Amino acid sequence: MSVLVDTSIWIEYLRDGNFSQKLDFFIDENLIVTNDLILAELVPFLKIRNQKKLISLLWRIKRLNLSIDWNEIIEYQYKCLKNGMNGVGIPDLIIAQNAIQNDCELFSRDNHFFLMQDILNLSILR
């Protein structure tokens, strides 16, 4: 099992230490993975705060290849809209697709993912 840790968890973890017990376990067990989209959301803010060591550690996490299937993204957005979910951003759809493609559980606080869970057959870590 691999756990794709979403930006929302990293932000809470780094800011307030929230989710530290769960995330520390996944880190210790070498279960976490990331992707370039999540790193692109995190690293610029860490650079502003001059967090070079933390950035270096994040770059060492196994990265999933982003193999974006735009037809599938369109289908995901269609399914979301059909089920009354408007406002789901393309980055969230790409992260969901990446987790599904790689058979990962997604660890997130973002409500969009919880709403997409049944619609897209997305595995969410609780």
Protein backbone atom coordinates (compact mmCIF):
# COMPACT_ATOMS: atom_id res chain seq x y z
CA MET A 1 0.00 0.00 0.00
CA SER A 2 1.21 3.48 -0.86
CA VAL A 3 -0.27 6.68 0.52
CA LEU A 4 -0.39 9.77 -1.66
CA VAL A 5 -0.22 12.66 0.80
CA ASP A 6 -2.12 15.70 -0.46
CA THR A 7 -0.99 19.27 0.03
CA SER A 8 -3.73 19.91 2.61
CA ILE A 9 -2.21 17.31 4.97
CA TRP A 10 1.34 18.58 4.49
CA ILE A 11 0.25 22.15 5.27
CA GLU A 12 -1.53 21.12 8.49
CA TYR A 13 1.38 18.87 9.47
CA LEU A 14 4.03 21.53 8.90
CA ARG A 15 2.04 24.42 10.37
CA ASP A 16 0.41 22.90 13.45
CA GLY A 17 1.66 19.33 13.73
CA ASN A 18 -1.81 18.03 12.93
CA PHE A 19 -1.96 14.44 11.68
CA SER A 20 1.58 13.91 13.00
CA GLN A 21 0.91 10.49 14.50
CA LYS A 22 -0.57 9.11 11.28
CA LEU A 23 1.84 10.82 8.91
CA ASP A 24 4.88 9.95 11.05
CA PHE A 25 3.82 6.30 10.92
CA PHE A 26 3.52 6.39 7.11
CA ILE A 27 6.92 8.12 6.85
CA ASP A 28 8.57 5.59 9.21
CA GLU A 29 7.07 2.70 7.24
CA ASN A 30 8.16 4.27 3.93
CA LEU A 31 4.59 4.24 2.62
CA ILE A 32 4.24 7.83 1.45
CA VAL A 33 4.45 8.95 -2.14
CA THR A 34 4.03 12.31 -3.81
CA ASN A 35 3.88 13.77 -7.29
CA ASP A 36 5.16 16.87 -9.03
CA LEU A 37 1.81 18.65 -8.76
CA ILE A 38 1.76 18.35 -4.97
CA LEU A 39 5.41 19.44 -4.78
CA ALA A 40 4.62 22.41 -7.04
CA GLU A 41 1.96 23.47 -4.53
CA LEU A 42 4.25 23.05 -1.49
CA VAL A 43 7.81 23.94 -2.44
CA PRO A 44 7.35 27.62 -3.42
CA PHE A 45 6.01 28.48 0.05
CA LEU A 46 8.81 26.55 1.69
CA LYS A 47 11.33 28.43 -0.46
CA ILE A 48 9.89 31.74 0.75
CA ARG A 49 10.46 30.52 4.33
CA ASN A 50 13.98 29.35 3.41
CA GLN A 51 13.20 25.75 4.43
CA LYS A 52 16.01 24.19 2.39
CA LYS A 53 16.36 21.05 4.49
CA LEU A 54 12.63 20.34 4.38
CA ILE A 55 12.55 20.92 0.62
CA SER A 56 15.43 18.49 0.23
CA LEU A 57 13.57 15.87 2.27
CA LEU A 58 10.38 16.31 0.24
CA TRP A 59 12.33 15.80 -3.00
CA ARG A 60 13.54 12.45 -1.68
CA ILE A 61 10.02 11.05 -1.37
CA LYS A 62 9.12 8.57 -4.09
CA ARG A 63 7.34 10.50 -6.83
CA LEU A 64 4.55 9.03 -8.89
CA ASN A 65 4.71 9.78 -12.57
CA LEU A 66 1.92 12.11 -13.64
CA SER A 67 0.42 10.37 -16.64
CA ILE A 68 -2.50 12.68 -17.28
CA ASP A 69 -5.30 11.19 -19.36
CA TRP A 70 -7.19 14.32 -20.36
CA ASN A 71 -10.18 12.35 -21.66
CA GLU A 72 -10.47 10.74 -18.25
CA ILE A 73 -10.12 14.12 -16.52
CA ILE A 74 -12.98 15.40 -18.66
CA GLU A 75 -15.03 12.33 -17.72
CA TYR A 76 -14.24 12.87 -14.02
CA GLN A 77 -15.35 16.50 -14.25
CA TYR A 78 -18.51 15.42 -16.09
CA LYS A 79 -19.31 12.87 -13.37
CA CYS A 80 -18.72 15.46 -10.66
CA LEU A 81 -20.95 18.04 -12.37
CA LYS A 82 -23.64 15.41 -13.03
CA ASN A 83 -23.63 14.65 -9.30
CA GLY A 84 -23.97 18.31 -8.32
CA MET A 85 -20.29 18.94 -7.59
CA ASN A 86 -19.22 22.08 -9.36
CA GLY A 87 -16.08 23.92 -8.45
CA VAL A 88 -13.76 20.90 -8.40
CA GLY A 89 -10.46 22.19 -9.74
CA ILE A 90 -8.45 20.45 -12.40
CA PRO A 91 -5.49 19.99 -9.99
CA ASP A 92 -7.73 18.01 -7.63
CA LEU A 93 -8.95 15.87 -10.53
CA ILE A 94 -5.34 15.22 -11.58
CA ILE A 95 -4.39 14.22 -8.03
CA ALA A 96 -7.41 11.90 -7.86
CA GLN A 97 -6.50 10.38 -11.23
CA ASN A 98 -2.89 9.90 -10.11
CA ALA A 99 -3.98 8.09 -6.93
CA ILE A 100 -6.38 5.85 -8.86
CA GLN A 101 -3.84 5.05 -11.61
CA ASN A 102 -1.25 4.02 -9.02
CA ASP A 103 -3.67 2.16 -6.72
CA CYS A 104 -2.82 4.48 -3.82
CA GLU A 105 -4.84 5.64 -0.91
CA LEU A 106 -5.18 9.40 -0.84
CA PHE A 107 -4.57 11.15 2.48
CA SER A 108 -6.27 14.54 2.33
CA ARG A 109 -8.40 17.02 4.24
CA ASP A 110 -9.83 18.51 1.06
CA ASN A 111 -13.58 18.01 1.03
CA HIS A 112 -13.65 17.70 -2.77
CA PHE A 113 -11.89 14.36 -2.52
CA PHE A 114 -14.38 13.01 0.02
CA LEU A 115 -17.23 14.07 -2.25
CA MET A 116 -15.52 12.43 -5.26
CA GLN A 117 -14.79 9.20 -3.40
CA ASP A 118 -17.84 7.22 -4.50
CA ILE A 119 -18.25 8.96 -7.84
CA LEU A 120 -14.71 8.09 -9.00
CA ASN A 121 -14.04 5.01 -6.88
CA LEU A 122 -11.26 6.91 -5.11
CA SER A 123 -9.68 5.34 -2.05
CA ILE A 124 -9.45 7.91 0.75
CA LEU A 125 -7.56 7.38 3.96
CA ARG A 126 -9.59 8.31 7.01
